[in-house]
Protein backbone atom coordinates (compact mmCIF):
# COMPACT_ATOMS: atom_id res chain seq x y z
CA MET A 1 -1.83 10.62 -23.79
CA VAL A 2 -2.32 9.19 -20.32
CA THR A 3 0.51 10.21 -17.99
CA VAL A 4 1.82 8.67 -14.82
CA PRO A 5 1.46 10.83 -11.70
CA GLN A 6 4.69 12.64 -10.93
CA VAL A 7 6.90 11.08 -8.29
CA THR A 8 7.84 13.52 -5.55
CA ASP A 9 9.71 11.19 -3.23
CA LYS A 10 13.00 12.80 -2.23
CA THR A 11 14.82 9.50 -2.84
CA TRP A 12 13.73 9.32 -6.49
CA ARG A 13 16.72 8.63 -8.70
CA ASP A 14 17.00 9.77 -12.28
CA ASP A 15 19.34 6.88 -13.10
CA ILE A 16 16.73 4.32 -12.04
CA SER A 17 14.12 6.16 -14.08
CA GLY A 18 16.54 6.04 -17.01
CA LEU A 19 16.96 2.31 -16.48
CA ARG A 20 13.20 1.96 -16.77
CA GLY A 21 13.47 3.87 -20.03
CA LEU A 22 16.09 1.41 -21.27
CA ALA A 23 13.85 -1.52 -20.36
CA PHE A 24 10.99 0.02 -22.31
CA LEU A 25 13.17 0.64 -25.38
CA LEU A 26 14.44 -2.96 -25.34
CA VAL A 27 10.87 -4.28 -25.46
CA LEU A 28 9.81 -1.68 -28.03
CA PHE A 29 12.62 -2.50 -30.48
CA TYR A 30 11.99 -6.22 -30.01
CA HIS A 31 8.40 -5.77 -31.15
CA LEU A 32 9.41 -3.48 -34.01
CA ASP A 33 11.97 -5.93 -35.40
CA SER A 34 12.86 -9.04 -33.43
CA SER A 35 15.57 -9.95 -35.94
CA ILE A 36 17.64 -6.99 -34.73
CA LEU A 37 17.02 -7.51 -31.02
CA PRO A 38 15.97 -11.17 -30.76
CA SER A 39 15.74 -11.23 -26.96
CA GLY A 40 14.63 -7.65 -26.35
CA PHE A 41 11.55 -9.01 -24.60
CA LEU A 42 13.87 -9.55 -21.62
CA GLY A 43 13.40 -5.86 -20.95
CA VAL A 44 10.27 -7.05 -19.12
CA ASP A 45 12.50 -9.01 -16.75
CA LEU A 46 14.48 -5.84 -16.13
CA PHE A 47 11.20 -4.09 -15.34
CA PHE A 48 10.40 -6.79 -12.77
CA VAL A 49 13.73 -6.27 -10.98
CA ILE A 50 13.29 -2.49 -10.97
CA SER A 51 9.72 -2.82 -9.70
CA GLY A 52 10.84 -5.08 -6.86
CA PHE A 53 13.56 -2.58 -5.98
CA LEU A 54 11.17 0.38 -5.94
CA ILE A 55 8.34 -1.26 -4.02
CA THR A 56 10.70 -2.57 -1.35
CA ASP A 57 12.39 0.81 -1.01
CA ALA A 58 9.01 2.52 -0.66
CA MET A 59 7.91 0.04 2.02
CA ARG A 60 11.23 0.35 3.83
CA GLN A 61 10.76 4.09 4.12
CA GLU A 62 7.35 3.67 5.71
CA MET A 63 8.29 0.78 7.97
CA ILE A 64 11.70 1.90 9.20
CA GLN A 65 11.94 5.65 8.76
CA GLU A 66 8.34 6.62 9.45
CA ARG A 67 7.61 3.69 11.79
CA SER A 68 4.24 3.33 10.17
CA PHE A 69 2.88 1.04 7.50
CA SER A 70 -0.66 0.20 6.38
CA ILE A 71 -1.14 -2.63 3.90
CA THR A 72 -4.52 -1.34 2.76
CA ASN A 73 -3.22 2.21 2.27
CA PHE A 74 -0.19 0.95 0.38
CA ILE A 75 -2.27 -1.16 -2.01
CA ALA A 76 -4.83 1.63 -2.39
CA ARG A 77 -2.12 4.10 -3.43
CA ARG A 78 -0.82 1.65 -6.03
CA ALA A 79 -4.33 1.12 -7.39
CA LYS A 80 -4.98 4.88 -7.49
CA ARG A 81 -1.76 5.40 -9.43
CA LEU A 82 -2.17 2.59 -11.97
CA LEU A 83 -5.82 1.60 -12.30
CA PRO A 84 -7.36 4.82 -13.74
CA ALA A 85 -4.89 4.96 -16.62
CA ALA A 86 -5.21 1.23 -17.33
CA ALA A 87 -9.01 1.44 -17.26
CA PHE A 88 -9.08 4.54 -19.48
CA VAL A 89 -6.86 2.96 -22.13
CA ALA A 90 -8.78 -0.33 -21.99
CA ALA A 91 -12.09 1.46 -22.48
CA ALA A 92 -10.68 3.53 -25.35
CA ILE A 93 -9.34 0.41 -27.05
CA VAL A 94 -12.70 -1.37 -26.77
CA ILE A 95 -14.55 1.62 -28.21
CA LEU A 96 -12.12 2.16 -31.08
CA ASN A 97 -12.00 -1.51 -31.97
CA ARG A 98 -15.75 -1.56 -32.49
CA TRP A 99 -14.83 -0.23 -35.93
CA LEU A 100 -11.37 -1.75 -36.30
CA LEU A 101 -12.04 -5.37 -35.32
CA GLU A 102 -14.24 -7.88 -37.06
CA PRO A 103 -17.59 -8.38 -35.24
CA THR A 104 -16.70 -11.85 -33.97
CA ARG A 105 -13.92 -10.35 -31.83
CA HIS A 106 -15.91 -7.54 -30.17
CA ALA A 107 -17.16 -9.67 -27.29
CA GLY A 108 -13.72 -11.14 -26.74
CA ALA A 109 -12.21 -7.65 -26.57
CA ILE A 110 -14.67 -6.58 -23.87
CA SER A 111 -13.99 -9.72 -21.86
CA ASP A 112 -10.23 -9.23 -22.15
CA ALA A 113 -10.58 -5.57 -21.15
CA LEU A 114 -12.34 -6.56 -17.92
CA LYS A 115 -9.57 -9.03 -17.13
CA ALA A 116 -6.96 -6.39 -17.92
CA VAL A 117 -8.31 -3.81 -15.47
CA THR A 118 -8.73 -6.45 -12.76
CA PHE A 119 -5.15 -7.63 -13.32
CA ARG A 120 -5.94 -11.18 -14.41
CA THR A 121 -4.59 -11.08 -17.96
CA ASN A 122 -1.54 -13.23 -17.27
CA ILE A 123 -3.69 -15.97 -15.72
CA GLU A 124 -6.11 -15.85 -18.64
CA PHE A 125 -3.37 -16.27 -21.23
CA TYR A 126 -1.80 -19.08 -19.26
CA GLU A 127 -5.12 -20.91 -19.18
CA ARG A 128 -5.50 -20.36 -22.92
CA ALA A 129 -1.97 -21.70 -23.43
CA GLU A 130 -1.35 -18.61 -25.57
CA ASN A 131 2.27 -18.36 -26.64
CA TYR A 132 3.56 -14.81 -26.22
CA PHE A 133 6.19 -15.27 -28.92
CA TYR A 134 3.81 -16.27 -31.71
CA SER A 135 1.14 -13.95 -33.04
CA SER A 136 -2.11 -14.98 -34.66
CA SER A 137 -5.02 -13.25 -36.30
CA GLN A 138 -7.17 -13.92 -33.22
CA GLU A 139 -4.71 -12.87 -30.54
CA SER A 140 -5.96 -10.57 -27.79
CA ILE A 141 -5.37 -6.86 -28.18
CA PHE A 142 -4.71 -6.77 -24.43
CA ARG A 143 -1.92 -9.31 -24.48
CA HIS A 144 0.65 -6.75 -23.35
CA TYR A 145 -1.26 -6.29 -20.06
CA TRP A 146 0.05 -9.64 -18.81
CA SER A 147 3.16 -8.13 -17.20
CA LEU A 148 1.18 -5.37 -15.49
CA SER A 149 -1.19 -8.00 -14.09
CA LEU A 150 1.70 -10.07 -12.80
CA GLU A 151 3.33 -7.09 -11.08
CA GLU A 152 0.08 -5.99 -9.44
CA GLN A 153 -0.48 -9.49 -8.07
CA TYR A 154 2.95 -9.25 -6.46
CA TYR A 155 2.13 -5.77 -5.12
CA ILE A 156 -0.93 -7.20 -3.39
CA LEU A 157 0.68 -10.28 -1.81
CA PHE A 158 4.20 -9.05 -1.04
CA PRO A 159 3.22 -6.23 1.36
CA LEU A 160 1.42 -8.77 3.54
CA VAL A 161 4.44 -11.11 3.73
CA ALA A 162 6.83 -8.19 4.23
CA TYR A 163 4.68 -6.69 6.98
CA ILE A 164 4.64 -9.95 8.90
CA GLY A 165 8.41 -10.23 8.62
CA TRP A 166 8.90 -6.64 9.74
CA ARG A 167 6.59 -6.99 12.73
CA VAL A 168 8.33 -10.17 13.87
CA ARG A 169 12.01 -9.27 13.37
CA GLY A 170 12.24 -5.74 11.98
CA VAL A 171 14.67 -5.21 9.10
CA LEU A 172 16.00 -8.74 9.51
CA GLY A 173 12.47 -10.08 9.17
CA LEU A 174 12.01 -8.10 5.98
CA LYS A 175 15.23 -9.56 4.57
CA ILE A 176 14.15 -13.07 5.57
CA ALA A 177 10.76 -12.59 3.86
CA LEU A 178 12.43 -11.45 0.64
CA THR A 179 14.96 -14.28 0.78
CA LEU A 180 12.25 -16.91 1.25
CA ILE A 181 10.27 -15.51 -1.66
CA PHE A 182 13.39 -15.46 -3.81
CA ILE A 183 14.48 -19.03 -3.03
CA GLY A 184 10.99 -20.52 -3.15
CA SER A 185 9.94 -18.82 -6.37
CA LEU A 186 13.23 -19.43 -8.20
CA SER A 187 13.28 -23.09 -7.19
CA ALA A 188 9.70 -23.59 -8.32
CA SER A 189 10.30 -21.78 -11.62
CA LEU A 190 12.95 -24.31 -12.60
CA TYR A 191 10.46 -27.19 -12.46
CA VAL A 192 7.38 -25.83 -14.20
CA ALA A 193 6.38 -25.71 -17.84
CA ASN A 194 7.47 -22.75 -19.94
CA ASP A 195 4.01 -21.17 -20.07
CA ALA A 196 3.63 -21.23 -16.28
CA GLY A 197 7.16 -19.94 -15.80
CA PHE A 198 6.48 -17.10 -18.19
CA TYR A 199 3.00 -15.93 -17.18
CA LEU A 200 2.37 -16.76 -13.52
CA MET A 201 3.42 -14.57 -10.61
CA PRO A 202 4.55 -17.34 -8.21
CA PHE A 203 7.25 -18.31 -10.72
CA ARG A 204 8.32 -14.72 -11.45
CA ALA A 205 8.25 -13.31 -7.92
CA TRP A 206 11.92 -14.20 -7.41
CA GLN A 207 12.92 -11.50 -9.89
CA MET A 208 11.07 -8.81 -7.95
CA ALA A 209 12.36 -10.21 -4.66
CA ALA A 210 15.90 -9.99 -6.04
CA GLY A 211 15.37 -6.30 -6.75
CA GLY A 212 14.03 -5.90 -3.23
CA LEU A 213 17.06 -7.55 -1.68
CA ILE A 214 19.25 -4.98 -3.46
CA ALA A 215 17.18 -2.07 -2.08
CA LEU A 216 17.90 -2.85 1.57
CA PRO A 217 21.73 -2.71 1.67
CA LEU A 218 21.76 0.40 -0.51
CA THR A 219 20.09 2.40 2.25
CA ALA A 220 23.17 2.07 4.47
CA ARG A 221 25.69 2.90 1.70
CA ARG A 222 26.80 6.44 1.07
CA ASN A 223 28.89 5.95 -2.06
CA ALA A 224 29.59 3.09 -4.43
CA SER A 225 33.15 1.81 -4.54
CA THR A 226 35.14 1.91 -7.76
CA ALA A 227 34.83 -1.87 -8.01
CA ALA A 228 31.05 -1.64 -7.70
CA GLN A 229 30.85 1.01 -10.41
CA VAL A 230 33.06 -1.04 -12.75
CA GLY A 231 30.87 -4.05 -11.98
CA ALA A 232 27.79 -1.99 -12.85
CA PHE A 233 29.28 -1.09 -16.23
CA PHE A 234 30.05 -4.70 -17.12
CA SER A 235 26.63 -5.75 -15.84
CA LEU A 236 25.03 -3.34 -18.29
CA LEU A 237 27.12 -4.87 -21.09
CA VAL A 238 25.97 -8.37 -20.10
CA LEU A 239 22.35 -7.22 -19.91
CA VAL A 240 22.39 -5.63 -23.37
CA ALA A 241 24.42 -8.47 -24.91
CA THR A 242 21.90 -11.01 -23.61
CA CYS A 243 19.11 -9.09 -25.36
CA PHE A 244 21.04 -9.32 -28.65
CA THR A 245 21.47 -13.09 -28.42
CA THR A 246 19.13 -16.06 -28.32
CA LEU A 247 19.57 -18.78 -25.70
CA THR A 248 17.66 -22.04 -25.85
CA ASP A 249 17.07 -22.09 -22.09
CA ARG A 250 14.62 -19.39 -20.96
CA ASN A 251 15.60 -19.90 -17.31
CA ILE A 252 19.24 -19.08 -18.06
CA GLU A 253 18.12 -15.91 -19.86
CA ARG A 254 16.04 -14.81 -16.89
CA ILE A 255 18.81 -15.54 -14.43
CA LEU A 256 21.37 -13.63 -16.52
CA ILE A 257 19.11 -10.59 -16.83
CA THR A 258 18.15 -10.66 -13.15
CA VAL A 259 21.71 -11.00 -11.86
CA SER A 260 23.07 -8.33 -14.22
CA SER A 261 20.17 -6.00 -13.40
CA CYS A 262 20.75 -6.36 -9.65
CA ALA A 263 24.50 -5.79 -10.03
CA LEU A 264 23.81 -2.76 -12.21
CA ILE A 265 21.40 -1.19 -9.70
CA TYR A 266 23.69 -1.97 -6.78
CA GLY A 267 26.86 -0.58 -8.36
CA MET A 268 25.37 2.45 -10.05
CA THR A 269 24.81 5.84 -8.43
CA HIS A 270 22.98 8.84 -9.86
CA ALA A 271 26.24 10.83 -9.80
CA SER A 272 28.41 8.21 -11.51
CA LEU A 273 29.23 8.39 -15.21
CA LEU A 274 26.97 5.43 -15.93
CA GLY A 275 24.20 6.88 -13.79
CA ARG A 276 24.39 10.22 -15.60
CA ALA A 277 24.34 8.45 -18.96
CA LEU A 278 21.24 6.45 -18.08
CA SER A 279 19.61 9.59 -16.69
CA LEU A 280 19.40 10.80 -20.27
CA LEU A 281 16.58 8.29 -20.69
CA LYS A 282 14.69 9.46 -17.61
CA GLN A 283 11.97 11.15 -19.68
CA VAL A 284 11.27 7.83 -21.36
CA GLY A 285 11.31 6.06 -18.01
CA GLU A 286 8.91 8.54 -16.41
CA ARG A 287 6.48 7.94 -19.26
CA SER A 288 7.13 4.23 -19.63
CA TYR A 289 3.80 3.26 -18.06
CA SER A 290 1.71 5.39 -20.40
CA LEU A 291 3.83 4.31 -23.37
CA TYR A 292 3.42 0.69 -22.31
CA LEU A 293 -0.35 1.00 -22.19
């Protein structure tokens, strides 16, 4: 199995890794039996918040602590970490499906594989008007790559915006950049069609920006207050309860998951009871990328 390179950053938190594991399990159980976990797909939204938190924290370390940041180096490191595994799995799938798929779908699989490794899958499915929630005999075998494509598009554009903000006003500029992304993307997402709001990065960026906004104040906090830890516990309950229910408004679902995810990350510490409990899933979280592929 393809594995994700080990993270050696001294700020790595087992509880956040465990939260990634929870997000993966929510999506997994949704696909295994959606009748049990009808909104488990919202684990992807949790992934977006966590990703925004982690990328912002990584950039903050370079910008503020090390006083050095290179956009090209940052993007290159992300590509080096993610692209080889994605390309390997895509190639393996294409080769295996030469025998498993009917001949009429071979060419389509190769085309979709190329879009997957160049992180364009979400755009392709939007243009096809392919509904994620309904399967068909001709659906792409690379459909699950849409979320990876969306995240990588954010990882390419966000560092540029964040760097400009940092150079102009330092930490305040970084906060302003994240706030503008959050407000602009959320506002736009409320006025677009469901397919665009689901697949396209400009209308999902607010979730990653929300995670980023949580990363900045946490750097100045030594310990979480009792109120914050209690809030984190109830936020986890809201998050899980939302995944067990079905709401007619997708925007409300995304907002609930994003707010509860941010409150959970903000109020949780690796040493708290909740943090230690989630840390039990850290092995799943550390392998979530390879399991996802």
